Amino acid sequence: VGRVRDVPPHCFHPVPKVTSTLVRVTPLEAGPLAPGPPGQDELAAVERVVRAAFGNRRKTLVNALRSGLGPAPPLEELHGILDSLGIDRRARAEAVSPSGLLALARALPRGGAAGQRAAP
């Protein structure tokens, strides 16, 4: 993301009370998600984790995942995953970075079956 130039208010109608800024957004060469067979790509896993994490905003991430993932891993396993990723067990979803959520989706078992880890 980069700033291109400021655009003065008189360039718009009606004239706003602020100066606007034109920015350029250049997409990444390759996205951070790995493609996979239909139904097994990382986007589906990340979406599943994000929906569960943000589904109950007032809950901690651990409790939101346990109630939102359907068959969630046992609490001790979930604590171990969060600890290994450096995510505070008491954190709420909004406190976790996008890269942290991606790492969490990669580390959680797929389909809720304990012990079956997602491919990196």
PDB file of N, CA and C in Angstrom:
ATOM      1  N   VAL A   1       0.862  -1.161   0.000  1.00  0.00           N
ATOM      2  CA  VAL A   1       0.000   0.000   0.000  1.00  0.00           C
ATOM      3  C   VAL A   1       0.907   1.223   0.000  1.00  0.00           C
ATOM      4  N   GLY A   2       0.601   2.157  -0.882  1.00  0.00           N
ATOM      5  CA  GLY A   2       1.402   3.375  -0.931  1.00  0.00           C
ATOM      6  C   GLY A   2       0.562   4.598  -1.254  1.00  0.00           C
ATOM      7  N   ARG A   3       0.976   5.709  -0.733  1.00  0.00           N
ATOM      8  CA  ARG A   3       0.291   6.975  -0.979  1.00  0.00           C
ATOM      9  C   ARG A   3       0.714   7.514  -2.343  1.00  0.00           C
ATOM     10  N   VAL A   4      -0.268   7.901  -3.166  1.00  0.00           N
ATOM     11  CA  VAL A   4       0.023   8.442  -4.488  1.00  0.00           C
ATOM     12  C   VAL A   4       0.030   9.964  -4.433  1.00  0.00           C
ATOM     13  N   ARG A   5      -1.068  10.552  -3.977  1.00  0.00           N
ATOM     14  CA  ARG A   5      -1.134  12.014  -3.860  1.00  0.00           C
ATOM     15  C   ARG A   5      -2.396  12.418  -3.124  1.00  0.00           C
ATOM     16  N   ASP A   6      -2.402  13.652  -2.664  1.00  0.00           N
ATOM     17  CA  ASP A   6      -3.595  14.217  -2.043  1.00  0.00           C
ATOM     18  C   ASP A   6      -4.503  14.782  -3.128  1.00  0.00           C
ATOM     19  N   VAL A   7      -5.797  14.732  -2.886  1.00  0.00           N
ATOM     20  CA  VAL A   7      -6.792  15.271  -3.813  1.00  0.00           C
ATOM     21  C   VAL A   7      -7.553  16.360  -3.065  1.00  0.00           C
ATOM     22  N   PRO A   8      -7.480  17.610  -3.562  1.00  0.00           N
ATOM     23  CA  PRO A   8      -8.130  18.707  -2.847  1.00  0.00           C
ATOM     24  C   PRO A   8      -9.649  18.606  -2.894  1.00  0.00           C
ATOM     25  N   PRO A   9     -10.317  19.229  -1.940  1.00  0.00           N
ATOM     26  CA  PRO A   9     -11.777  19.152  -1.856  1.00  0.00           C
ATOM     27  C   PRO A   9     -12.508  19.639  -3.105  1.00  0.00           C
ATOM     28  N   HIS A  10     -11.948  20.637  -3.821  1.00  0.00           N
ATOM     29  CA  HIS A  10     -12.659  21.193  -4.978  1.00  0.00           C
ATOM     30  C   HIS A  10     -12.775  20.209  -6.154  1.00  0.00           C
ATOM     31  N   CYS A  11     -12.108  19.051  -6.067  1.00  0.00           N
ATOM     32  CA  CYS A  11     -12.200  18.038  -7.132  1.00  0.00           C
ATOM     33  C   CYS A  11     -13.473  17.200  -7.024  1.00  0.00           C
ATOM     34  N   PHE A  12     -14.246  17.413  -5.992  1.00  0.00           N
ATOM     35  CA  PHE A  12     -15.454  16.624  -5.757  1.00  0.00           C
ATOM     36  C   PHE A  12     -16.690  17.513  -5.742  1.00  0.00           C
ATOM     37  N   HIS A  13     -17.815  16.895  -6.019  1.00  0.00           N
ATOM     38  CA  HIS A  13     -19.095  17.602  -5.911  1.00  0.00           C
ATOM     39  C   HIS A  13     -20.076  16.701  -5.183  1.00  0.00           C
ATOM     40  N   PRO A  14     -20.659  17.094  -4.119  1.00  0.00           N
ATOM     41  CA  PRO A  14     -20.431  18.350  -3.413  1.00  0.00           C
ATOM     42  C   PRO A  14     -19.042  18.395  -2.792  1.00  0.00           C
ATOM     43  N   VAL A  15     -18.551  19.579  -2.563  1.00  0.00           N
ATOM     44  CA  VAL A  15     -17.207  19.785  -2.038  1.00  0.00           C
ATOM     45  C   VAL A  15     -17.163  19.348  -0.571  1.00  0.00           C
ATOM     46  N   PRO A  16     -16.316  18.364  -0.250  1.00  0.00           N
ATOM     47  CA  PRO A  16     -16.213  17.932   1.155  1.00  0.00           C
ATOM     48  C   PRO A  16     -15.385  18.929   1.965  1.00  0.00           C
ATOM     49  N   LYS A  17     -15.384  18.736   3.258  1.00  0.00           N
ATOM     50  CA  LYS A  17     -14.621  19.610   4.145  1.00  0.00           C
ATOM     51  C   LYS A  17     -13.251  19.020   4.468  1.00  0.00           C
ATOM     52  N   VAL A  18     -12.845  18.003   3.735  1.00  0.00           N
ATOM     53  CA  VAL A  18     -11.565  17.332   3.988  1.00  0.00           C
ATOM     54  C   VAL A  18     -10.804  17.150   2.684  1.00  0.00           C
ATOM     55  N   THR A  19      -9.517  16.970   2.805  1.00  0.00           N
ATOM     56  CA  THR A  19      -8.677  16.616   1.665  1.00  0.00           C
ATOM     57  C   THR A  19      -8.606  15.092   1.621  1.00  0.00           C
ATOM     58  N   SER A  20      -8.765  14.537   0.438  1.00  0.00           N
ATOM     59  CA  SER A  20      -8.705  13.083   0.281  1.00  0.00           C
ATOM     60  C   SER A  20      -7.301  12.669  -0.129  1.00  0.00           C
ATOM     61  N   THR A  21      -7.000  11.390   0.023  1.00  0.00           N
ATOM     62  CA  THR A  21      -5.709  10.859  -0.396  1.00  0.00           C
ATOM     63  C   THR A  21      -5.941   9.671  -1.310  1.00  0.00           C
ATOM     64  N   LEU A  22      -5.236   9.669  -2.426  1.00  0.00           N
ATOM     65  CA  LEU A  22      -5.300   8.565  -3.374  1.00  0.00           C
ATOM     66  C   LEU A  22      -4.195   7.581  -2.996  1.00  0.00           C
ATOM     67  N   VAL A  23      -4.565   6.319  -2.844  1.00  0.00           N
ATOM     68  CA  VAL A  23      -3.586   5.291  -2.483  1.00  0.00           C
ATOM     69  C   VAL A  23      -3.550   4.208  -3.552  1.00  0.00           C
ATOM     70  N   ARG A  24      -2.410   3.570  -3.656  1.00  0.00           N
ATOM     71  CA  ARG A  24      -2.243   2.449  -4.595  1.00  0.00           C
ATOM     72  C   ARG A  24      -2.069   1.184  -3.758  1.00  0.00           C
ATOM     73  N   VAL A  25      -2.859   0.164  -4.087  1.00  0.00           N
ATOM     74  CA  VAL A  25      -2.769  -1.124  -3.405  1.00  0.00           C
ATOM     75  C   VAL A  25      -2.315  -2.150  -4.431  1.00  0.00           C
ATOM     76  N   THR A  26      -1.177  -2.760  -4.176  1.00  0.00           N
ATOM     77  CA  THR A  26      -0.633  -3.768  -5.073  1.00  0.00           C
ATOM     78  C   THR A  26      -0.807  -5.140  -4.425  1.00  0.00           C
ATOM     79  N   PRO A  27      -1.506  -6.060  -5.104  1.00  0.00           N
ATOM     80  CA  PRO A  27      -1.709  -7.381  -4.491  1.00  0.00           C
ATOM     81  C   PRO A  27      -0.399  -8.170  -4.391  1.00  0.00           C
ATOM     82  N   LEU A  28      -0.370  -9.072  -3.441  1.00  0.00           N
ATOM     83  CA  LEU A  28       0.785  -9.949  -3.285  1.00  0.00           C
ATOM     84  C   LEU A  28       0.914 -10.851  -4.508  1.00  0.00           C
ATOM     85  N   GLU A  29       2.131 -11.273  -4.787  1.00  0.00           N
ATOM     86  CA  GLU A  29       2.358 -12.196  -5.906  1.00  0.00           C
ATOM     87  C   GLU A  29       1.572 -13.487  -5.701  1.00  0.00           C
ATOM     88  N   ALA A  30       1.699 -14.049  -4.518  1.00  0.00           N
ATOM     89  CA  ALA A  30       0.968 -15.273  -4.186  1.00  0.00           C
ATOM     90  C   ALA A  30       0.322 -15.069  -2.821  1.00  0.00           C
ATOM     91  N   GLY A  31      -0.887 -15.537  -2.693  1.00  0.00           N
ATOM     92  CA  GLY A  31      -1.590 -15.398  -1.422  1.00  0.00           C
ATOM     93  C   GLY A  31      -0.990 -16.288  -0.352  1.00  0.00           C
ATOM     94  N   PRO A  32      -1.307 -16.020   0.909  1.00  0.00           N
ATOM     95  CA  PRO A  32      -0.745 -16.810   2.000  1.00  0.00           C
ATOM     96  C   PRO A  32      -1.398 -18.184   2.161  1.00  0.00           C
ATOM     97  N   LEU A  33      -2.522 -18.430   1.478  1.00  0.00           N
ATOM     98  CA  LEU A  33      -3.214 -19.703   1.627  1.00  0.00           C
ATOM     99  C   LEU A  33      -2.778 -20.691   0.559  1.00  0.00           C
ATOM    100  N   ALA A  34      -2.578 -21.911   0.983  1.00  0.00           N
ATOM    101  CA  ALA A  34      -2.190 -22.964   0.050  1.00  0.00           C
ATOM    102  C   ALA A  34      -3.439 -23.568  -0.595  1.00  0.00           C
ATOM    103  N   PRO A  35      -3.423 -23.745  -1.920  1.00  0.00           N
ATOM    104  CA  PRO A  35      -4.572 -24.401  -2.555  1.00  0.00           C
ATOM    105  C   PRO A  35      -4.563 -25.887  -2.221  1.00  0.00           C
ATOM    106  N   GLY A  36      -5.696 -26.496  -2.377  1.00  0.00           N
ATOM    107  CA  GLY A  36      -5.797 -27.920  -2.105  1.00  0.00           C
ATOM    108  C   GLY A  36      -6.962 -28.496  -2.864  1.00  0.00           C
ATOM    109  N   PRO A  37      -7.225 -29.781  -2.684  1.00  0.00           N
ATOM    110  CA  PRO A  37      -8.367 -30.388  -3.342  1.00  0.00           C
ATOM    111  C   PRO A  37      -9.661 -29.747  -2.855  1.00  0.00           C
ATOM    112  N   PRO A  38     -10.712 -29.768  -3.665  1.00  0.00           N
ATOM    113  CA  PRO A  38     -11.982 -29.164  -3.241  1.00  0.00           C
ATOM    114  C   PRO A  38     -12.412 -29.678  -1.873  1.00  0.00           C
ATOM    115  N   GLY A  39     -12.801 -28.735  -1.016  1.00  0.00           N
ATOM    116  CA  GLY A  39     -13.248 -29.094   0.321  1.00  0.00           C
ATOM    117  C   GLY A  39     -12.123 -29.266   1.321  1.00  0.00           C
ATOM    118  N   GLN A  40     -10.868 -29.238   0.853  1.00  0.00           N
ATOM    119  CA  GLN A  40      -9.742 -29.421   1.760  1.00  0.00           C
ATOM    120  C   GLN A  40      -8.725 -28.294   1.637  1.00  0.00           C
ATOM    121  N   ASP A  41      -9.099 -27.193   1.017  1.00  0.00           N
ATOM    122  CA  ASP A  41      -8.154 -26.092   0.897  1.00  0.00           C
ATOM    123  C   ASP A  41      -8.065 -25.315   2.211  1.00  0.00           C
ATOM    124  N   GLU A  42      -7.018 -24.521   2.333  1.00  0.00           N
ATOM    125  CA  GLU A  42      -6.813 -23.785   3.572  1.00  0.00           C
ATOM    126  C   GLU A  42      -7.862 -22.719   3.800  1.00  0.00           C
ATOM    127  N   LEU A  43      -8.423 -22.170   2.744  1.00  0.00           N
ATOM    128  CA  LEU A  43      -9.443 -21.144   2.914  1.00  0.00           C
ATOM    129  C   LEU A  43     -10.616 -21.681   3.725  1.00  0.00           C
ATOM    130  N   ALA A  44     -11.037 -22.901   3.456  1.00  0.00           N
ATOM    131  CA  ALA A  44     -12.146 -23.497   4.205  1.00  0.00           C
ATOM    132  C   ALA A  44     -11.776 -23.670   5.676  1.00  0.00           C
ATOM    133  N   ALA A  45     -10.548 -24.089   5.941  1.00  0.00           N
ATOM    134  CA  ALA A  45     -10.104 -24.276   7.327  1.00  0.00           C
ATOM    135  C   ALA A  45     -10.018 -22.941   8.052  1.00  0.00           C
ATOM    136  N   VAL A  46      -9.490 -21.923   7.382  1.00  0.00           N
ATOM    137  CA  VAL A  46      -9.380 -20.598   7.997  1.00  0.00           C
ATOM    138  C   VAL A  46     -10.765 -20.017   8.240  1.00  0.00           C
ATOM    139  N   GLU A  47     -11.654 -20.171   7.269  1.00  0.00           N
ATOM    140  CA  GLU A  47     -13.016 -19.655   7.437  1.00  0.00           C
ATOM    141  C   GLU A  47     -13.707 -20.326   8.621  1.00  0.00           C
ATOM    142  N   ARG A  48     -13.512 -21.609   8.772  1.00  0.00           N
ATOM    143  CA  ARG A  48     -14.109 -22.357   9.886  1.00  0.00           C
ATOM    144  C   ARG A  48     -13.616 -21.812  11.228  1.00  0.00           C
ATOM    145  N   VAL A  49     -12.313 -21.575  11.336  1.00  0.00           N
ATOM    146  CA  VAL A  49     -11.729 -21.067  12.580  1.00  0.00           C
ATOM    147  C   VAL A  49     -12.173 -19.634  12.844  1.00  0.00           C
ATOM    148  N   VAL A  50     -12.170 -18.788  11.813  1.00  0.00           N
ATOM    149  CA  VAL A  50     -12.552 -17.383  11.993  1.00  0.00           C
ATOM    150  C   VAL A  50     -14.019 -17.265  12.384  1.00  0.00           C
ATOM    151  N   ARG A  51     -14.880 -18.044  11.747  1.00  0.00           N
ATOM    152  CA  ARG A  51     -16.304 -18.020  12.115  1.00  0.00           C
ATOM    153  C   ARG A  51     -16.507 -18.446  13.564  1.00  0.00           C
ATOM    154  N   ALA A  52     -15.789 -19.487  13.974  1.00  0.00           N
ATOM    155  CA  ALA A  52     -15.913 -19.948  15.360  1.00  0.00           C
ATOM    156  C   ALA A  52     -15.346 -18.910  16.331  1.00  0.00           C
ATOM    157  N   ALA A  53     -14.194 -18.347  15.994  1.00  0.00           N
ATOM    158  CA  ALA A  53     -13.531 -17.398  16.888  1.00  0.00           C
ATOM    159  C   ALA A  53     -14.344 -16.122  17.072  1.00  0.00           C
ATOM    160  N   PHE A  54     -14.914 -15.603  15.978  1.00  0.00           N
ATOM    161  CA  PHE A  54     -15.642 -14.344  16.055  1.00  0.00           C
ATOM    162  C   PHE A  54     -17.145 -14.539  16.236  1.00  0.00           C
ATOM    163  N   GLY A  55     -17.590 -15.766  16.296  1.00  0.00           N
ATOM    164  CA  GLY A  55     -19.020 -16.038  16.461  1.00  0.00           C
ATOM    165  C   GLY A  55     -19.564 -15.584  17.799  1.00  0.00           C
ATOM    166  N   ASN A  56     -18.734 -15.587  18.813  1.00  0.00           N
ATOM    167  CA  ASN A  56     -19.113 -15.150  20.162  1.00  0.00           C
ATOM    168  C   ASN A  56     -18.043 -14.196  20.661  1.00  0.00           C
ATOM    169  N   ARG A  57     -18.135 -12.952  20.268  1.00  0.00           N
ATOM    170  CA  ARG A  57     -17.081 -11.972  20.551  1.00  0.00           C
ATOM    171  C   ARG A  57     -16.799 -11.770  22.035  1.00  0.00           C
ATOM    172  N   ARG A  58     -17.739 -12.010  22.899  1.00  0.00           N
ATOM    173  CA  ARG A  58     -17.517 -11.756  24.314  1.00  0.00           C
ATOM    174  C   ARG A  58     -16.797 -12.916  24.992  1.00  0.00           C
ATOM    175  N   LYS A  59     -16.625 -14.000  24.267  1.00  0.00           N
ATOM    176  CA  LYS A  59     -15.938 -15.156  24.837  1.00  0.00           C
ATOM    177  C   LYS A  59     -14.443 -15.084  24.533  1.00  0.00           C
ATOM    178  N   THR A  60     -13.664 -15.765  25.370  1.00  0.00           N
ATOM    179  CA  THR A  60     -12.246 -15.908  25.053  1.00  0.00           C
ATOM    180  C   THR A  60     -12.130 -16.798  23.824  1.00  0.00           C
ATOM    181  N   LEU A  61     -10.985 -16.742  23.179  1.00  0.00           N
ATOM    182  CA  LEU A  61     -10.765 -17.534  21.974  1.00  0.00           C
ATOM    183  C   LEU A  61     -10.971 -19.025  22.252  1.00  0.00           C
ATOM    184  N   VAL A  62     -10.459 -19.490  23.382  1.00  0.00           N
ATOM    185  CA  VAL A  62     -10.605 -20.912  23.735  1.00  0.00           C
ATOM    186  C   VAL A  62     -12.080 -21.295  23.812  1.00  0.00           C
ATOM    187  N   ASN A  63     -12.872 -20.527  24.536  1.00  0.00           N
ATOM    188  CA  ASN A  63     -14.291 -20.864  24.696  1.00  0.00           C
ATOM    189  C   ASN A  63     -15.062 -20.699  23.392  1.00  0.00           C
ATOM    190  N   ALA A  64     -14.706 -19.690  22.600  1.00  0.00           N
ATOM    191  CA  ALA A  64     -15.380 -19.502  21.319  1.00  0.00           C
ATOM    192  C   ALA A  64     -15.095 -20.669  20.377  1.00  0.00           C
ATOM    193  N   LEU A  65     -13.850 -21.142  20.354  1.00  0.00           N
ATOM    194  CA  LEU A  65     -13.502 -22.274  19.498  1.00  0.00           C
ATOM    195  C   LEU A  65     -14.183 -23.556  19.983  1.00  0.00           C
ATOM    196  N   ARG A  66     -14.213 -23.753  21.292  1.00  0.00           N
ATOM    197  CA  ARG A  66     -14.835 -24.973  21.824  1.00  0.00           C
ATOM    198  C   ARG A  66     -16.320 -25.027  21.523  1.00  0.00           C
ATOM    199  N   SER A  67     -16.991 -23.867  21.521  1.00  0.00           N
ATOM    200  CA  SER A  67     -18.426 -23.888  21.244  1.00  0.00           C
ATOM    201  C   SER A  67     -18.730 -23.731  19.759  1.00  0.00           C
ATOM    202  N   GLY A  68     -17.803 -23.170  18.981  1.00  0.00           N
ATOM    203  CA  GLY A  68     -18.095 -22.882  17.587  1.00  0.00           C
ATOM    204  C   GLY A  68     -17.540 -23.857  16.571  1.00  0.00           C
ATOM    205  N   LEU A  69     -16.621 -24.718  16.979  1.00  0.00           N
ATOM    206  CA  LEU A  69     -16.010 -25.645  16.021  1.00  0.00           C
ATOM    207  C   LEU A  69     -16.785 -26.947  15.869  1.00  0.00           C
ATOM    208  N   GLY A  70     -17.862 -27.104  16.592  1.00  0.00           N
ATOM    209  CA  GLY A  70     -18.545 -28.396  16.539  1.00  0.00           C
ATOM    210  C   GLY A  70     -17.726 -29.362  17.364  1.00  0.00           C
ATOM    211  N   PRO A  71     -17.269 -30.460  16.763  1.00  0.00           N
ATOM    212  CA  PRO A  71     -16.394 -31.346  17.541  1.00  0.00           C
ATOM    213  C   PRO A  71     -15.022 -30.701  17.687  1.00  0.00           C
ATOM    214  N   ALA A  72     -14.800 -30.030  18.814  1.00  0.00           N
ATOM    215  CA  ALA A  72     -13.539 -29.334  19.069  1.00  0.00           C
ATOM    216  C   ALA A  72     -12.558 -30.284  19.735  1.00  0.00           C
ATOM    217  N   PRO A  73     -11.262 -29.998  19.606  1.00  0.00           N
ATOM    218  CA  PRO A  73     -10.276 -30.835  20.307  1.00  0.00           C
ATOM    219  C   PRO A  73     -10.444 -30.681  21.817  1.00  0.00           C
ATOM    220  N   PRO A  74      -9.947 -31.634  22.581  1.00  0.00           N
ATOM    221  CA  PRO A  74     -10.020 -31.531  24.040  1.00  0.00           C
ATOM    222  C   PRO A  74      -9.349 -30.246  24.520  1.00  0.00           C
ATOM    223  N   LEU A  75      -9.782 -29.751  25.663  1.00  0.00           N
ATOM    224  CA  LEU A  75      -9.286 -28.482  26.191  1.00  0.00           C
ATOM    225  C   LEU A  75      -7.764 -28.485  26.344  1.00  0.00           C
ATOM    226  N   GLU A  76      -7.204 -29.567  26.846  1.00  0.00           N
ATOM    227  CA  GLU A  76      -5.755 -29.640  27.038  1.00  0.00           C
ATOM    228  C   GLU A  76      -5.027 -29.537  25.698  1.00  0.00           C
ATOM    229  N   GLU A  77      -5.558 -30.171  24.667  1.00  0.00           N
ATOM    230  CA  GLU A  77      -4.943 -30.111  23.343  1.00  0.00           C
ATOM    231  C   GLU A  77      -5.045 -28.696  22.771  1.00  0.00           C
ATOM    232  N   LEU A  78      -6.187 -28.058  22.948  1.00  0.00           N
ATOM    233  CA  LEU A  78      -6.381 -26.692  22.465  1.00  0.00           C
ATOM    234  C   LEU A  78      -5.428 -25.739  23.184  1.00  0.00           C
ATOM    235  N   HIS A  79      -5.266 -25.909  24.491  1.00  0.00           N
ATOM    236  CA  HIS A  79      -4.307 -25.094  25.240  1.00  0.00           C
ATOM    237  C   HIS A  79      -2.895 -25.315  24.706  1.00  0.00           C
ATOM    238  N   GLY A  80      -2.537 -26.545  24.427  1.00  0.00           N
ATOM    239  CA  GLY A  80      -1.211 -26.847  23.894  1.00  0.00           C
ATOM    240  C   GLY A  80      -0.970 -26.199  22.539  1.00  0.00           C
ATOM    241  N   ILE A  81      -1.993 -26.209  21.686  1.00  0.00           N
ATOM    242  CA  ILE A  81      -1.876 -25.581  20.369  1.00  0.00           C
ATOM    243  C   ILE A  81      -1.659 -24.083  20.518  1.00  0.00           C
ATOM    244  N   LEU A  82      -2.479 -23.439  21.350  1.00  0.00           N
ATOM    245  CA  LEU A  82      -2.341 -21.998  21.551  1.00  0.00           C
ATOM    246  C   LEU A  82      -0.971 -21.660  22.143  1.00  0.00           C
ATOM    247  N   ASP A  83      -0.522 -22.442  23.123  1.00  0.00           N
ATOM    248  CA  ASP A  83       0.793 -22.206  23.736  1.00  0.00           C
ATOM    249  C   ASP A  83       1.901 -22.332  22.694  1.00  0.00           C
ATOM    250  N   SER A  84       1.815 -23.348  21.847  1.00  0.00           N
ATOM    251  CA  SER A  84       2.866 -23.557  20.842  1.00  0.00           C
ATOM    252  C   SER A  84       2.906 -22.432  19.811  1.00  0.00           C
ATOM    253  N   LEU A  85       1.777 -21.759  19.611  1.00  0.00           N
ATOM    254  CA  LEU A  85       1.714 -20.646  18.650  1.00  0.00           C
ATOM    255  C   LEU A  85       1.976 -19.296  19.308  1.00  0.00           C
ATOM    256  N   GLY A  86       2.137 -19.293  20.627  1.00  0.00           N
ATOM    257  CA  GLY A  86       2.378 -18.041  21.329  1.00  0.00           C
ATOM    258  C   GLY A  86       1.130 -17.183  21.479  1.00  0.00           C
ATOM    259  N   ILE A  87      -0.042 -17.809  21.440  1.00  0.00           N
ATOM    260  CA  ILE A  87      -1.309 -17.095  21.603  1.00  0.00           C
ATOM    261  C   ILE A  87      -1.768 -17.263  23.043  1.00  0.00           C
ATOM    262  N   ASP A  88      -2.040 -16.147  23.700  1.00  0.00           N
ATOM    263  CA  ASP A  88      -2.490 -16.155  25.091  1.00  0.00           C
ATOM    264  C   ASP A  88      -3.814 -16.915  25.202  1.00  0.00           C
ATOM    265  N   ARG A  89      -3.889 -17.810  26.158  1.00  0.00           N
ATOM    266  CA  ARG A  89      -5.112 -18.609  26.358  1.00  0.00           C
ATOM    267  C   ARG A  89      -6.315 -17.743  26.721  1.00  0.00           C
ATOM    268  N   ARG A  90      -6.073 -16.571  27.297  1.00  0.00           N
ATOM    269  CA  ARG A  90      -7.164 -15.682  27.698  1.00  0.00           C
ATOM    270  C   ARG A  90      -7.534 -14.663  26.615  1.00  0.00           C
ATOM    271  N   ALA A  91      -6.860 -14.708  25.482  1.00  0.00           N
ATOM    272  CA  ALA A  91      -7.086 -13.721  24.409  1.00  0.00           C
ATOM    273  C   ALA A  91      -8.469 -13.887  23.796  1.00  0.00           C
ATOM    274  N   ARG A  92      -8.975 -12.795  23.293  1.00  0.00           N
ATOM    275  CA  ARG A  92     -10.205 -12.805  22.504  1.00  0.00           C
ATOM    276  C   ARG A  92      -9.797 -12.779  21.037  1.00  0.00           C
ATOM    277  N   ALA A  93     -10.697 -13.174  20.169  1.00  0.00           N
ATOM    278  CA  ALA A  93     -10.373 -13.318  18.747  1.00  0.00           C
ATOM    279  C   ALA A  93      -9.787 -12.040  18.154  1.00  0.00           C
ATOM    280  N   GLU A  94     -10.320 -10.887  18.524  1.00  0.00           N
ATOM    281  CA  GLU A  94      -9.854  -9.638  17.925  1.00  0.00           C
ATOM    282  C   GLU A  94      -8.423  -9.290  18.310  1.00  0.00           C
ATOM    283  N   ALA A  95      -7.874  -9.952  19.324  1.00  0.00           N
ATOM    284  CA  ALA A  95      -6.501  -9.699  19.751  1.00  0.00           C
ATOM    285  C   ALA A  95      -5.493 -10.548  18.984  1.00  0.00           C
ATOM    286  N   VAL A  96      -5.964 -11.482  18.164  1.00  0.00           N
ATOM    287  CA  VAL A  96      -5.080 -12.380  17.426  1.00  0.00           C
ATOM    288  C   VAL A  96      -4.900 -11.832  16.010  1.00  0.00           C
ATOM    289  N   SER A  97      -3.668 -11.775  15.552  1.00  0.00           N
ATOM    290  CA  SER A  97      -3.369 -11.250  14.222  1.00  0.00           C
ATOM    291  C   SER A  97      -3.904 -12.192  13.142  1.00  0.00           C
ATOM    292  N   PRO A  98      -4.086 -11.693  11.925  1.00  0.00           N
ATOM    293  CA  PRO A  98      -4.496 -12.580  10.836  1.00  0.00           C
ATOM    294  C   PRO A  98      -3.525 -13.749  10.633  1.00  0.00           C
ATOM    295  N   SER A  99      -2.222 -13.483  10.748  1.00  0.00           N
ATOM    296  CA  SER A  99      -1.262 -14.578  10.601  1.00  0.00           C
ATOM    297  C   SER A  99      -1.395 -15.577  11.748  1.00  0.00           C
ATOM    298  N   GLY A 100      -1.771 -15.100  12.933  1.00  0.00           N
ATOM    299  CA  GLY A 100      -2.004 -15.996  14.064  1.00  0.00           C
ATOM    300  C   GLY A 100      -3.214 -16.882  13.840  1.00  0.00           C
ATOM    301  N   LEU A 101      -4.266 -16.313  13.250  1.00  0.00           N
ATOM    302  CA  LEU A 101      -5.461 -17.109  12.938  1.00  0.00           C
ATOM    303  C   LEU A 101      -5.161 -18.149  11.863  1.00  0.00           C
ATOM    304  N   LEU A 102      -4.333 -17.779  10.876  1.00  0.00           N
ATOM    305  CA  LEU A 102      -3.933 -18.740   9.846  1.00  0.00           C
ATOM    306  C   LEU A 102      -3.138 -19.878  10.473  1.00  0.00           C
ATOM    307  N   ALA A 103      -2.186 -19.538  11.334  1.00  0.00           N
ATOM    308  CA  ALA A 103      -1.393 -20.571  12.014  1.00  0.00           C
ATOM    309  C   ALA A 103      -2.281 -21.466  12.869  1.00  0.00           C
ATOM    310  N   LEU A 104      -3.274 -20.879  13.522  1.00  0.00           N
ATOM    311  CA  LEU A 104      -4.207 -21.652  14.338  1.00  0.00           C
ATOM    312  C   LEU A 104      -5.015 -22.612  13.470  1.00  0.00           C
ATOM    313  N   ALA A 105      -5.497 -22.131  12.331  1.00  0.00           N
ATOM    314  CA  ALA A 105      -6.254 -23.000  11.421  1.00  0.00           C
ATOM    315  C   ALA A 105      -5.391 -24.149  10.915  1.00  0.00           C
ATOM    316  N   ARG A 106      -4.118 -23.880  10.678  1.00  0.00           N
ATOM    317  CA  ARG A 106      -3.204 -24.936  10.217  1.00  0.00           C
ATOM    318  C   ARG A 106      -2.909 -25.946  11.326  1.00  0.00           C
ATOM    319  N   ALA A 107      -2.896 -25.488  12.576  1.00  0.00           N
ATOM    320  CA  ALA A 107      -2.528 -26.362  13.688  1.00  0.00           C
ATOM    321  C   ALA A 107      -3.689 -27.189  14.217  1.00  0.00           C
ATOM    322  N   LEU A 108      -4.913 -26.689  14.045  1.00  0.00           N
ATOM    323  CA  LEU A 108      -6.070 -27.421  14.571  1.00  0.00           C
ATOM    324  C   LEU A 108      -6.354 -28.664  13.737  1.00  0.00           C
ATOM    325  N   PRO A 109      -6.855 -29.699  14.384  1.00  0.00           N
ATOM    326  CA  PRO A 109      -7.254 -30.890  13.635  1.00  0.00           C
ATOM    327  C   PRO A 109      -8.380 -30.537  12.658  1.00  0.00           C
ATOM    328  N   ARG A 110      -8.367 -31.144  11.499  1.00  0.00           N
ATOM    329  CA  ARG A 110      -9.456 -30.947  10.518  1.00  0.00           C
ATOM    330  C   ARG A 110     -10.618 -31.832  10.884  1.00  0.00           C
ATOM    331  N   GLY A 111     -11.817 -31.277  10.781  1.00  0.00           N
ATOM    332  CA  GLY A 111     -13.013 -32.059  11.036  1.00  0.00           C
ATOM    333  C   GLY A 111     -13.212 -32.416  12.487  1.00  0.00           C
ATOM    334  N   GLY A 112     -12.381 -31.854  13.386  1.00  0.00           N
ATOM    335  CA  GLY A 112     -12.587 -32.089  14.801  1.00  0.00           C
ATOM    336  C   GLY A 112     -11.993 -33.378  15.322  1.00  0.00           C
ATOM    337  N   ALA A 113     -11.415 -34.209  14.455  1.00  0.00           N
ATOM    338  CA  ALA A 113     -10.830 -35.463  14.914  1.00  0.00           C
ATOM    339  C   ALA A 113      -9.472 -35.197  15.542  1.00  0.00           C
ATOM    340  N   ALA A 114      -9.349 -35.450  16.823  1.00  0.00           N
ATOM    341  CA  ALA A 114      -8.098 -35.167  17.531  1.00  0.00           C
ATOM    342  C   ALA A 114      -6.955 -35.955  16.919  1.00  0.00           C
ATOM    343  N   GLY A 115      -5.795 -35.289  16.821  1.00  0.00           N
ATOM    344  CA  GLY A 115      -4.619 -35.978  16.321  1.00  0.00           C
ATOM    345  C   GLY A 115      -4.420 -35.846  14.820  1.00  0.00           C
ATOM    346  N   GLN A 116      -5.415 -35.452  14.058  1.00  0.00           N
ATOM    347  CA  GLN A 116      -5.265 -35.300  12.614  1.00  0.00           C
ATOM    348  C   GLN A 116      -4.998 -33.834  12.332  1.00  0.00           C
ATOM    349  N   ARG A 117      -3.775 -33.492  12.114  1.00  0.00           N
ATOM    350  CA  ARG A 117      -3.389 -32.103  11.919  1.00  0.00           C
ATOM    351  C   ARG A 117      -3.535 -31.708  10.464  1.00  0.00           C
ATOM    352  N   ALA A 118      -3.819 -30.436  10.278  1.00  0.00           N
ATOM    353  CA  ALA A 118      -3.889 -29.885   8.930  1.00  0.00           C
ATOM    354  C   ALA A 118      -2.488 -29.837   8.351  1.00  0.00           C
ATOM    355  N   ALA A 119      -2.398 -30.023   7.047  1.00  0.00           N
ATOM    356  CA  ALA A 119      -1.110 -29.948   6.372  1.00  0.00           C
ATOM    357  C   ALA A 119      -0.623 -28.509   6.380  1.00  0.00           C
ATOM    358  N   PRO A 120       0.682 -28.268   6.605  1.00  0.00           N
ATOM    359  CA  PRO A 120       1.206 -26.894   6.653  1.00  0.00           C
ATOM    360  C   PRO A 120       1.173 -26.230   5.294  1.00  0.00           C
TER     361      PRO A 120
END
